[in-house]
């Protein structure tokens, strides 16, 4: 599986509204299938990426060297809780996967 060079529909919507991300601290999660989240690093103040699917993690981990990158099934902000201005989730179609993502990203 290769990361698409064209933007997915969700990323196109985000791109049209990218002023919302300028100088923000962003947590990006989900199955990212294009390069738009990498572009977000250039306009955000900081970005952290969390992957629950190893295929996506493997595809992008080398390109995300300036950010905090995690592959985990249980992300809870590590030992030190980090505050984010916004959470950007690439929502999968499966309802159970959405519930899984939200459960793992929500502080306990």
PDB file of N, CA and C in Angstrom:
ATOM      1  N   UNK A   1       0.841  -1.170   0.000  1.00  0.00           N
ATOM      2  CA  UNK A   1       0.000   0.000   0.000  1.00  0.00           C
ATOM      3  C   UNK A   1       0.891   1.240   0.000  1.00  0.00           C
ATOM      4  N   UNK A   2       0.673   2.095  -0.924  1.00  0.00           N
ATOM      5  CA  UNK A   2       1.456   3.326  -1.009  1.00  0.00           C
ATOM      6  C   UNK A   2       0.579   4.516  -0.648  1.00  0.00           C
ATOM      7  N   UNK A   3       1.220   5.514  -0.067  1.00  0.00           N
ATOM      8  CA  UNK A   3       0.501   6.736   0.257  1.00  0.00           C
ATOM      9  C   UNK A   3       0.219   7.474  -1.050  1.00  0.00           C
ATOM     10  N   UNK A   4      -1.028   7.865  -1.243  1.00  0.00           N
ATOM     11  CA  UNK A   4      -1.430   8.547  -2.474  1.00  0.00           C
ATOM     12  C   UNK A   4      -0.772   9.908  -2.594  1.00  0.00           C
ATOM     13  N   UNK A   5      -0.395  10.264  -3.825  1.00  0.00           N
ATOM     14  CA  UNK A   5       0.162  11.598  -4.052  1.00  0.00           C
ATOM     15  C   UNK A   5      -0.951  12.621  -4.222  1.00  0.00           C
ATOM     16  N   UNK A   6      -2.159  12.156  -4.548  1.00  0.00           N
ATOM     17  CA  UNK A   6      -3.298  13.063  -4.622  1.00  0.00           C
ATOM     18  C   UNK A   6      -4.012  13.046  -3.273  1.00  0.00           C
ATOM     19  N   UNK A   7      -4.724  14.105  -3.005  1.00  0.00           N
ATOM     20  CA  UNK A   7      -5.393  14.204  -1.718  1.00  0.00           C
ATOM     21  C   UNK A   7      -6.722  13.461  -1.726  1.00  0.00           C
ATOM     22  N   UNK A   8      -7.007  12.821  -0.610  1.00  0.00           N
ATOM     23  CA  UNK A   8      -8.301  12.160  -0.431  1.00  0.00           C
ATOM     24  C   UNK A   8      -9.372  13.231  -0.249  1.00  0.00           C
ATOM     25  N   UNK A   9     -10.626  12.834  -0.360  1.00  0.00           N
ATOM     26  CA  UNK A   9     -11.717  13.797  -0.158  1.00  0.00           C
ATOM     27  C   UNK A   9     -11.657  14.468   1.212  1.00  0.00           C
ATOM     28  N   UNK A  10     -11.446  13.720   2.314  1.00  0.00           N
ATOM     29  CA  UNK A  10     -11.354  14.392   3.610  1.00  0.00           C
ATOM     30  C   UNK A  10     -10.199  15.404   3.668  1.00  0.00           C
ATOM     31  N   UNK A  11      -9.077  15.060   3.071  1.00  0.00           N
ATOM     32  CA  UNK A  11      -7.930  15.974   3.080  1.00  0.00           C
ATOM     33  C   UNK A  11      -8.185  17.210   2.225  1.00  0.00           C
ATOM     34  N   UNK A  12      -8.946  17.059   1.156  1.00  0.00           N
ATOM     35  CA  UNK A  12      -9.293  18.225   0.335  1.00  0.00           C
ATOM     36  C   UNK A  12     -10.143  19.208   1.135  1.00  0.00           C
ATOM     37  N   UNK A  13     -11.064  18.694   1.936  1.00  0.00           N
ATOM     38  CA  UNK A  13     -11.876  19.561   2.791  1.00  0.00           C
ATOM     39  C   UNK A  13     -10.984  20.267   3.813  1.00  0.00           C
ATOM     40  N   UNK A  14     -10.066  19.527   4.410  1.00  0.00           N
ATOM     41  CA  UNK A  14      -9.140  20.122   5.381  1.00  0.00           C
ATOM     42  C   UNK A  14      -8.269  21.186   4.726  1.00  0.00           C
ATOM     43  N   UNK A  15      -7.808  20.916   3.534  1.00  0.00           N
ATOM     44  CA  UNK A  15      -6.948  21.865   2.831  1.00  0.00           C
ATOM     45  C   UNK A  15      -7.685  23.181   2.574  1.00  0.00           C
ATOM     46  N   UNK A  16      -8.958  23.099   2.229  1.00  0.00           N
ATOM     47  CA  UNK A  16      -9.737  24.317   1.983  1.00  0.00           C
ATOM     48  C   UNK A  16      -9.948  25.130   3.257  1.00  0.00           C
ATOM     49  N   UNK A  17      -9.753  24.501   4.402  1.00  0.00           N
ATOM     50  CA  UNK A  17      -9.953  25.167   5.689  1.00  0.00           C
ATOM     51  C   UNK A  17      -8.672  25.189   6.516  1.00  0.00           C
ATOM     52  N   UNK A  18      -7.530  25.195   5.854  1.00  0.00           N
ATOM     53  CA  UNK A  18      -6.284  25.039   6.586  1.00  0.00           C
ATOM     54  C   UNK A  18      -5.953  26.220   7.499  1.00  0.00           C
ATOM     55  N   UNK A  19      -6.617  27.344   7.345  1.00  0.00           N
ATOM     56  CA  UNK A  19      -6.380  28.468   8.251  1.00  0.00           C
ATOM     57  C   UNK A  19      -6.722  28.078   9.694  1.00  0.00           C
ATOM     58  N   UNK A  20      -7.568  27.079   9.877  1.00  0.00           N
ATOM     59  CA  UNK A  20      -7.917  26.601  11.217  1.00  0.00           C
ATOM     60  C   UNK A  20      -6.746  25.936  11.927  1.00  0.00           C
ATOM     61  N   UNK A  21      -5.722  25.520  11.172  1.00  0.00           N
ATOM     62  CA  UNK A  21      -4.618  24.753  11.738  1.00  0.00           C
ATOM     63  C   UNK A  21      -3.355  25.571  11.982  1.00  0.00           C
ATOM     64  N   UNK A  22      -3.334  26.809  11.536  1.00  0.00           N
ATOM     65  CA  UNK A  22      -2.124  27.630  11.645  1.00  0.00           C
ATOM     66  C   UNK A  22      -1.786  27.850  13.114  1.00  0.00           C
ATOM     67  N   UNK A  23      -0.532  27.546  13.452  1.00  0.00           N
ATOM     68  CA  UNK A  23       0.019  27.716  14.800  1.00  0.00           C
ATOM     69  C   UNK A  23      -0.736  26.946  15.879  1.00  0.00           C
ATOM     70  N   UNK A  24      -1.340  25.835  15.525  1.00  0.00           N
ATOM     71  CA  UNK A  24      -2.047  24.996  16.495  1.00  0.00           C
ATOM     72  C   UNK A  24      -1.212  23.763  16.812  1.00  0.00           C
ATOM     73  N   UNK A  25      -1.446  23.231  17.973  1.00  0.00           N
ATOM     74  CA  UNK A  25      -0.874  21.951  18.358  1.00  0.00           C
ATOM     75  C   UNK A  25      -1.920  20.894  18.018  1.00  0.00           C
ATOM     76  N   UNK A  26      -1.550  19.962  17.140  1.00  0.00           N
ATOM     77  CA  UNK A  26      -2.524  19.033  16.564  1.00  0.00           C
ATOM     78  C   UNK A  26      -2.142  17.588  16.879  1.00  0.00           C
ATOM     79  N   UNK A  27      -3.129  16.807  17.266  1.00  0.00           N
ATOM     80  CA  UNK A  27      -2.972  15.361  17.348  1.00  0.00           C
ATOM     81  C   UNK A  27      -3.722  14.783  16.166  1.00  0.00           C
ATOM     82  N   UNK A  28      -3.008  14.105  15.273  1.00  0.00           N
ATOM     83  CA  UNK A  28      -3.587  13.497  14.073  1.00  0.00           C
ATOM     84  C   UNK A  28      -3.651  11.991  14.300  1.00  0.00           C
ATOM     85  N   UNK A  29      -4.812  11.405  14.071  1.00  0.00           N
ATOM     86  CA  UNK A  29      -4.970   9.968  14.284  1.00  0.00           C
ATOM     87  C   UNK A  29      -5.809   9.369  13.174  1.00  0.00           C
ATOM     88  N   UNK A  30      -5.712   8.053  13.072  1.00  0.00           N
ATOM     89  CA  UNK A  30      -6.505   7.335  12.079  1.00  0.00           C
ATOM     90  C   UNK A  30      -5.648   6.833  10.945  1.00  0.00           C
ATOM     91  N   UNK A  31      -6.311   6.304   9.955  1.00  0.00           N
ATOM     92  CA  UNK A  31      -5.616   5.712   8.817  1.00  0.00           C
ATOM     93  C   UNK A  31      -5.446   6.751   7.722  1.00  0.00           C
ATOM     94  N   UNK A  32      -4.322   7.391   7.742  1.00  0.00           N
ATOM     95  CA  UNK A  32      -4.011   8.476   6.823  1.00  0.00           C
ATOM     96  C   UNK A  32      -3.546   7.862   5.510  1.00  0.00           C
ATOM     97  N   UNK A  33      -4.188   8.239   4.408  1.00  0.00           N
ATOM     98  CA  UNK A  33      -3.838   7.616   3.134  1.00  0.00           C
ATOM     99  C   UNK A  33      -3.345   8.603   2.089  1.00  0.00           C
ATOM    100  N   UNK A  34      -2.921   9.782   2.523  1.00  0.00           N
ATOM    101  CA  UNK A  34      -2.319  10.740   1.606  1.00  0.00           C
ATOM    102  C   UNK A  34      -1.298  11.579   2.360  1.00  0.00           C
ATOM    103  N   UNK A  35      -0.756  12.585   1.720  1.00  0.00           N
ATOM    104  CA  UNK A  35       0.329  13.367   2.316  1.00  0.00           C
ATOM    105  C   UNK A  35      -0.117  14.647   3.009  1.00  0.00           C
ATOM    106  N   UNK A  36      -1.399  14.928   3.051  1.00  0.00           N
ATOM    107  CA  UNK A  36      -1.842  16.194   3.628  1.00  0.00           C
ATOM    108  C   UNK A  36      -1.438  16.370   5.095  1.00  0.00           C
ATOM    109  N   UNK A  37      -1.532  15.354   5.948  1.00  0.00           N
ATOM    110  CA  UNK A  37      -1.086  15.550   7.333  1.00  0.00           C
ATOM    111  C   UNK A  37       0.398  15.927   7.443  1.00  0.00           C
ATOM    112  N   UNK A  38       1.199  15.504   6.479  1.00  0.00           N
ATOM    113  CA  UNK A  38       2.610  15.909   6.472  1.00  0.00           C
ATOM    114  C   UNK A  38       2.704  17.403   6.193  1.00  0.00           C
ATOM    115  N   UNK A  39       1.876  17.901   5.292  1.00  0.00           N
ATOM    116  CA  UNK A  39       1.823  19.339   5.013  1.00  0.00           C
ATOM    117  C   UNK A  39       1.406  20.121   6.260  1.00  0.00           C
ATOM    118  N   UNK A  40       0.525  19.565   7.058  1.00  0.00           N
ATOM    119  CA  UNK A  40       0.080  20.257   8.274  1.00  0.00           C
ATOM    120  C   UNK A  40       1.244  20.626   9.186  1.00  0.00           C
ATOM    121  N   UNK A  41       2.290  19.813   9.164  1.00  0.00           N
ATOM    122  CA  UNK A  41       3.463  20.109   9.999  1.00  0.00           C
ATOM    123  C   UNK A  41       4.065  21.468   9.669  1.00  0.00           C
ATOM    124  N   UNK A  42       3.920  21.912   8.439  1.00  0.00           N
ATOM    125  CA  UNK A  42       4.532  23.183   8.037  1.00  0.00           C
ATOM    126  C   UNK A  42       3.743  24.390   8.511  1.00  0.00           C
ATOM    127  N   UNK A  43       2.469  24.214   8.842  1.00  0.00           N
ATOM    128  CA  UNK A  43       1.663  25.359   9.276  1.00  0.00           C
ATOM    129  C   UNK A  43       1.275  25.287  10.750  1.00  0.00           C
ATOM    130  N   UNK A  44       1.384  24.112  11.358  1.00  0.00           N
ATOM    131  CA  UNK A  44       1.019  23.954  12.765  1.00  0.00           C
ATOM    132  C   UNK A  44       2.201  24.301  13.655  1.00  0.00           C
ATOM    133  N   UNK A  45       1.922  24.636  14.907  1.00  0.00           N
ATOM    134  CA  UNK A  45       3.013  24.908  15.843  1.00  0.00           C
ATOM    135  C   UNK A  45       3.674  23.604  16.269  1.00  0.00           C
ATOM    136  N   UNK A  46       2.896  22.530  16.345  1.00  0.00           N
ATOM    137  CA  UNK A  46       3.437  21.205  16.632  1.00  0.00           C
ATOM    138  C   UNK A  46       2.414  20.176  16.179  1.00  0.00           C
ATOM    139  N   UNK A  47       2.897  18.977  15.966  1.00  0.00           N
ATOM    140  CA  UNK A  47       1.976  17.922  15.573  1.00  0.00           C
ATOM    141  C   UNK A  47       2.458  16.595  16.127  1.00  0.00           C
ATOM    142  N   UNK A  48       1.511  15.788  16.530  1.00  0.00           N
ATOM    143  CA  UNK A  48       1.772  14.447  17.014  1.00  0.00           C
ATOM    144  C   UNK A  48       0.911  13.521  16.178  1.00  0.00           C
ATOM    145  N   UNK A  49       1.474  12.420  15.778  1.00  0.00           N
ATOM    146  CA  UNK A  49       0.760  11.465  14.943  1.00  0.00           C
ATOM    147  C   UNK A  49       0.621  10.151  15.684  1.00  0.00           C
ATOM    148  N   UNK A  50      -0.572   9.608  15.665  1.00  0.00           N
ATOM    149  CA  UNK A  50      -0.852   8.348  16.334  1.00  0.00           C
ATOM    150  C   UNK A  50      -1.516   7.406  15.342  1.00  0.00           C
ATOM    151  N   UNK A  51      -0.922   6.249  15.177  1.00  0.00           N
ATOM    152  CA  UNK A  51      -1.432   5.266  14.224  1.00  0.00           C
ATOM    153  C   UNK A  51      -1.831   3.999  14.957  1.00  0.00           C
ATOM    154  N   UNK A  52      -2.935   3.409  14.565  1.00  0.00           N
ATOM    155  CA  UNK A  52      -3.307   2.119  15.123  1.00  0.00           C
ATOM    156  C   UNK A  52      -3.192   1.016  14.080  1.00  0.00           C
ATOM    157  N   UNK A  53      -2.857   1.364  12.859  1.00  0.00           N
ATOM    158  CA  UNK A  53      -2.670   0.391  11.791  1.00  0.00           C
ATOM    159  C   UNK A  53      -1.211   0.482  11.338  1.00  0.00           C
ATOM    160  N   UNK A  54      -0.487  -0.610  11.502  1.00  0.00           N
ATOM    161  CA  UNK A  54       0.951  -0.600  11.242  1.00  0.00           C
ATOM    162  C   UNK A  54       1.286  -0.241   9.800  1.00  0.00           C
ATOM    163  N   UNK A  55       0.432  -0.559   8.850  1.00  0.00           N
ATOM    164  CA  UNK A  55       0.725  -0.246   7.449  1.00  0.00           C
ATOM    165  C   UNK A  55       0.873   1.259   7.226  1.00  0.00           C
ATOM    166  N   UNK A  56      -0.009   2.038   7.823  1.00  0.00           N
ATOM    167  CA  UNK A  56       0.049   3.495   7.667  1.00  0.00           C
ATOM    168  C   UNK A  56       1.240   4.075   8.423  1.00  0.00           C
ATOM    169  N   UNK A  57       1.464   3.552   9.593  1.00  0.00           N
ATOM    170  CA  UNK A  57       2.619   3.983  10.387  1.00  0.00           C
ATOM    171  C   UNK A  57       3.922   3.768   9.607  1.00  0.00           C
ATOM    172  N   UNK A  58       4.074   2.591   9.065  1.00  0.00           N
ATOM    173  CA  UNK A  58       5.289   2.243   8.319  1.00  0.00           C
ATOM    174  C   UNK A  58       5.478   3.138   7.098  1.00  0.00           C
ATOM    175  N   UNK A  59       4.383   3.484   6.429  1.00  0.00           N
ATOM    176  CA  UNK A  59       4.454   4.323   5.234  1.00  0.00           C
ATOM    177  C   UNK A  59       4.914   5.749   5.543  1.00  0.00           C
ATOM    178  N   UNK A  60       4.499   6.282   6.689  1.00  0.00           N
ATOM    179  CA  UNK A  60       4.734   7.698   6.970  1.00  0.00           C
ATOM    180  C   UNK A  60       5.812   7.995   8.008  1.00  0.00           C
ATOM    181  N   UNK A  61       6.242   7.021   8.788  1.00  0.00           N
ATOM    182  CA  UNK A  61       7.101   7.327   9.933  1.00  0.00           C
ATOM    183  C   UNK A  61       8.395   8.047   9.553  1.00  0.00           C
ATOM    184  N   UNK A  62       8.986   7.743   8.431  1.00  0.00           N
ATOM    185  CA  UNK A  62      10.228   8.397   8.025  1.00  0.00           C
ATOM    186  C   UNK A  62      10.015   9.831   7.565  1.00  0.00           C
ATOM    187  N   UNK A  63       8.839  10.141   7.073  1.00  0.00           N
ATOM    188  CA  UNK A  63       8.537  11.489   6.596  1.00  0.00           C
ATOM    189  C   UNK A  63       8.121  12.425   7.728  1.00  0.00           C
ATOM    190  N   UNK A  64       7.862  11.877   8.907  1.00  0.00           N
ATOM    191  CA  UNK A  64       7.364  12.661  10.033  1.00  0.00           C
ATOM    192  C   UNK A  64       8.431  12.836  11.113  1.00  0.00           C
ATOM    193  N   UNK A  65       9.647  13.109  10.686  1.00  0.00           N
ATOM    194  CA  UNK A  65      10.766  13.138  11.628  1.00  0.00           C
ATOM    195  C   UNK A  65      10.717  14.302  12.610  1.00  0.00           C
ATOM    196  N   UNK A  66      10.079  15.416  12.278  1.00  0.00           N
ATOM    197  CA  UNK A  66      10.046  16.564  13.173  1.00  0.00           C
ATOM    198  C   UNK A  66       8.923  16.497  14.194  1.00  0.00           C
ATOM    199  N   UNK A  67       8.133  15.468  14.156  1.00  0.00           N
ATOM    200  CA  UNK A  67       6.989  15.397  15.055  1.00  0.00           C
ATOM    201  C   UNK A  67       7.101  14.163  15.936  1.00  0.00           C
ATOM    202  N   UNK A  68       6.215  14.091  16.857  1.00  0.00           N
ATOM    203  CA  UNK A  68       6.119  12.968  17.759  1.00  0.00           C
ATOM    204  C   UNK A  68       5.244  11.927  17.077  1.00  0.00           C
ATOM    205  N   UNK A  69       5.779  10.737  16.811  1.00  0.00           N
ATOM    206  CA  UNK A  69       5.052   9.719  16.062  1.00  0.00           C
ATOM    207  C   UNK A  69       4.919   8.456  16.916  1.00  0.00           C
ATOM    208  N   UNK A  70       3.707   7.935  16.986  1.00  0.00           N
ATOM    209  CA  UNK A  70       3.444   6.735  17.775  1.00  0.00           C
ATOM    210  C   UNK A  70       2.715   5.702  16.941  1.00  0.00           C
ATOM    211  N   UNK A  71       3.103   4.457  17.124  1.00  0.00           N
ATOM    212  CA  UNK A  71       2.273   3.347  16.655  1.00  0.00           C
ATOM    213  C   UNK A  71       1.835   2.643  17.919  1.00  0.00           C
ATOM    214  N   UNK A  72       0.562   2.673  18.187  1.00  0.00           N
ATOM    215  CA  UNK A  72       0.080   2.097  19.433  1.00  0.00           C
ATOM    216  C   UNK A  72      -1.387   1.734  19.324  1.00  0.00           C
ATOM    217  N   UNK A  73      -1.788   0.790  20.128  1.00  0.00           N
ATOM    218  CA  UNK A  73      -3.195   0.445  20.223  1.00  0.00           C
ATOM    219  C   UNK A  73      -3.812   1.083  21.458  1.00  0.00           C
ATOM    220  N   UNK A  74      -3.001   1.813  22.235  1.00  0.00           N
ATOM    221  CA  UNK A  74      -3.489   2.401  23.477  1.00  0.00           C
ATOM    222  C   UNK A  74      -2.765   3.711  23.752  1.00  0.00           C
ATOM    223  N   UNK A  75      -3.078   4.746  22.994  1.00  0.00           N
ATOM    224  CA  UNK A  75      -2.455   6.053  23.169  1.00  0.00           C
ATOM    225  C   UNK A  75      -3.203   6.838  24.235  1.00  0.00           C
ATOM    226  N   UNK A  76      -2.504   7.213  25.269  1.00  0.00           N
ATOM    227  CA  UNK A  76      -3.117   8.024  26.327  1.00  0.00           C
ATOM    228  C   UNK A  76      -2.240   9.222  26.653  1.00  0.00           C
ATOM    229  N   UNK A  77      -1.501   9.732  25.668  1.00  0.00           N
ATOM    230  CA  UNK A  77      -0.688  10.912  25.906  1.00  0.00           C
ATOM    231  C   UNK A  77       0.619  10.614  26.617  1.00  0.00           C
ATOM    232  N   UNK A  78       1.056   9.367  26.580  1.00  0.00           N
ATOM    233  CA  UNK A  78       2.288   8.948  27.240  1.00  0.00           C
ATOM    234  C   UNK A  78       2.216   9.201  28.739  1.00  0.00           C
ATOM    235  N   UNK A  79       3.372   9.336  29.381  1.00  0.00           N
ATOM    236  CA  UNK A  79       3.419   9.563  30.824  1.00  0.00           C
ATOM    237  C   UNK A  79       3.042  10.997  31.181  1.00  0.00           C
ATOM    238  N   UNK A  80       3.433  11.933  30.344  1.00  0.00           N
ATOM    239  CA  UNK A  80       3.130  13.329  30.584  1.00  0.00           C
ATOM    240  C   UNK A  80       1.997  13.748  29.664  1.00  0.00           C
ATOM    241  N   UNK A  81       0.855  14.078  30.216  1.00  0.00           N
ATOM    242  CA  UNK A  81      -0.251  14.484  29.345  1.00  0.00           C
ATOM    243  C   UNK A  81       0.115  15.730  28.530  1.00  0.00           C
ATOM    244  N   UNK A  82      -0.117  15.667  27.260  1.00  0.00           N
ATOM    245  CA  UNK A  82       0.158  16.786  26.374  1.00  0.00           C
ATOM    246  C   UNK A  82      -1.170  17.407  25.978  1.00  0.00           C
ATOM    247  N   UNK A  83      -1.210  18.717  25.979  1.00  0.00           N
ATOM    248  CA  UNK A  83      -2.441  19.393  25.581  1.00  0.00           C
ATOM    249  C   UNK A  83      -2.368  19.735  24.106  1.00  0.00           C
ATOM    250  N   UNK A  84      -3.474  19.507  23.432  1.00  0.00           N
ATOM    251  CA  UNK A  84      -3.585  19.800  22.012  1.00  0.00           C
ATOM    252  C   UNK A  84      -4.674  20.830  21.801  1.00  0.00           C
ATOM    253  N   UNK A  85      -4.475  21.660  20.798  1.00  0.00           N
ATOM    254  CA  UNK A  85      -5.521  22.602  20.424  1.00  0.00           C
ATOM    255  C   UNK A  85      -6.647  21.890  19.693  1.00  0.00           C
ATOM    256  N   UNK A  86      -6.279  20.851  18.952  1.00  0.00           N
ATOM    257  CA  UNK A  86      -7.308  20.100  18.256  1.00  0.00           C
ATOM    258  C   UNK A  86      -6.862  18.691  17.936  1.00  0.00           C
ATOM    259  N   UNK A  87      -7.871  17.847  17.807  1.00  0.00           N
ATOM    260  CA  UNK A  87      -7.696  16.444  17.462  1.00  0.00           C
ATOM    261  C   UNK A  87      -8.262  16.249  16.070  1.00  0.00           C
ATOM    262  N   UNK A  88      -7.439  15.760  15.183  1.00  0.00           N
ATOM    263  CA  UNK A  88      -7.854  15.519  13.806  1.00  0.00           C
ATOM    264  C   UNK A  88      -7.851  14.007  13.587  1.00  0.00           C
ATOM    265  N   UNK A  89      -9.036  13.448  13.417  1.00  0.00           N
ATOM    266  CA  UNK A  89      -9.163  12.006  13.233  1.00  0.00           C
ATOM    267  C   UNK A  89      -9.638  11.723  11.819  1.00  0.00           C
ATOM    268  N   UNK A  90      -8.861  10.924  11.124  1.00  0.00           N
ATOM    269  CA  UNK A  90      -9.308  10.400   9.831  1.00  0.00           C
ATOM    270  C   UNK A  90     -10.217   9.220  10.170  1.00  0.00           C
ATOM    271  N   UNK A  91     -11.515   9.470  10.090  1.00  0.00           N
ATOM    272  CA  UNK A  91     -12.499   8.501  10.563  1.00  0.00           C
ATOM    273  C   UNK A  91     -12.693   7.386   9.545  1.00  0.00           C
ATOM    274  N   UNK A  92     -12.548   6.158  10.012  1.00  0.00           N
ATOM    275  CA  UNK A  92     -12.796   5.019   9.132  1.00  0.00           C
ATOM    276  C   UNK A  92     -14.299   4.800   8.955  1.00  0.00           C
ATOM    277  N   UNK A  93     -14.651   3.977   7.990  1.00  0.00           N
ATOM    278  CA  UNK A  93     -16.067   3.703   7.720  1.00  0.00           C
ATOM    279  C   UNK A  93     -16.696   2.812   8.785  1.00  0.00           C
ATOM    280  N   UNK A  94     -15.907   1.927   9.348  1.00  0.00           N
ATOM    281  CA  UNK A  94     -16.446   0.973  10.322  1.00  0.00           C
ATOM    282  C   UNK A  94     -16.717   1.646  11.662  1.00  0.00           C
ATOM    283  N   UNK A  95     -17.954   1.520  12.138  1.00  0.00           N
ATOM    284  CA  UNK A  95     -18.352   2.142  13.403  1.00  0.00           C
ATOM    285  C   UNK A  95     -17.511   1.642  14.577  1.00  0.00           C
ATOM    286  N   UNK A  96     -17.194   0.360  14.597  1.00  0.00           N
ATOM    287  CA  UNK A  96     -16.401  -0.177  15.707  1.00  0.00           C
ATOM    288  C   UNK A  96     -14.992   0.402  15.707  1.00  0.00           C
ATOM    289  N   UNK A  97     -14.458   0.690  14.532  1.00  0.00           N
ATOM    290  CA  UNK A  97     -13.133   1.296  14.450  1.00  0.00           C
ATOM    291  C   UNK A  97     -13.138   2.733  14.976  1.00  0.00           C
ATOM    292  N   UNK A  98     -14.209   3.458  14.717  1.00  0.00           N
ATOM    293  CA  UNK A  98     -14.346   4.819  15.230  1.00  0.00           C
ATOM    294  C   UNK A  98     -14.389   4.782  16.752  1.00  0.00           C
ATOM    295  N   UNK A  99     -15.180   3.879  17.299  1.00  0.00           N
ATOM    296  CA  UNK A  99     -15.270   3.739  18.750  1.00  0.00           C
ATOM    297  C   UNK A  99     -13.903   3.379  19.349  1.00  0.00           C
ATOM    298  N   UNK A 100     -13.204   2.507  18.678  1.00  0.00           N
ATOM    299  CA  UNK A 100     -11.861   2.096  19.117  1.00  0.00           C
ATOM    300  C   UNK A 100     -10.913   3.295  19.150  1.00  0.00           C
ATOM    301  N   UNK A 101     -10.888   4.082  18.070  1.00  0.00           N
ATOM    302  CA  UNK A 101     -10.028   5.250  18.021  1.00  0.00           C
ATOM    303  C   UNK A 101     -10.357   6.240  19.135  1.00  0.00           C
ATOM    304  N   UNK A 102     -11.620   6.554  19.287  1.00  0.00           N
ATOM    305  CA  UNK A 102     -12.031   7.517  20.307  1.00  0.00           C
ATOM    306  C   UNK A 102     -11.699   7.027  21.719  1.00  0.00           C
ATOM    307  N   UNK A 103     -11.900   5.749  21.967  1.00  0.00           N
ATOM    308  CA  UNK A 103     -11.597   5.185  23.288  1.00  0.00           C
ATOM    309  C   UNK A 103     -10.101   5.276  23.587  1.00  0.00           C
ATOM    310  N   UNK A 104      -9.271   5.081  22.584  1.00  0.00           N
ATOM    311  CA  UNK A 104      -7.832   5.097  22.810  1.00  0.00           C
ATOM    312  C   UNK A 104      -7.246   6.492  22.853  1.00  0.00           C
ATOM    313  N   UNK A 105      -7.936   7.483  22.336  1.00  0.00           N
ATOM    314  CA  UNK A 105      -7.423   8.843  22.317  1.00  0.00           C
ATOM    315  C   UNK A 105      -7.987   9.708  23.434  1.00  0.00           C
ATOM    316  N   UNK A 106      -9.031   9.244  24.074  1.00  0.00           N
ATOM    317  CA  UNK A 106      -9.670  10.005  25.139  1.00  0.00           C
ATOM    318  C   UNK A 106      -8.937   9.730  26.456  1.00  0.00           C
ATOM    319  N   UNK A 107      -8.562  10.794  27.169  1.00  0.00           N
ATOM    320  CA  UNK A 107      -7.881  10.586  28.462  1.00  0.00           C
ATOM    321  C   UNK A 107      -8.779   9.811  29.424  1.00  0.00           C
ATOM    322  N   UNK A 108      -8.140   8.974  30.226  1.00  0.00           N
ATOM    323  CA  UNK A 108      -8.903   8.176  31.196  1.00  0.00           C
ATOM    324  C   UNK A 108      -9.128   8.936  32.474  1.00  0.00           C
TER     325      UNK A 108
END
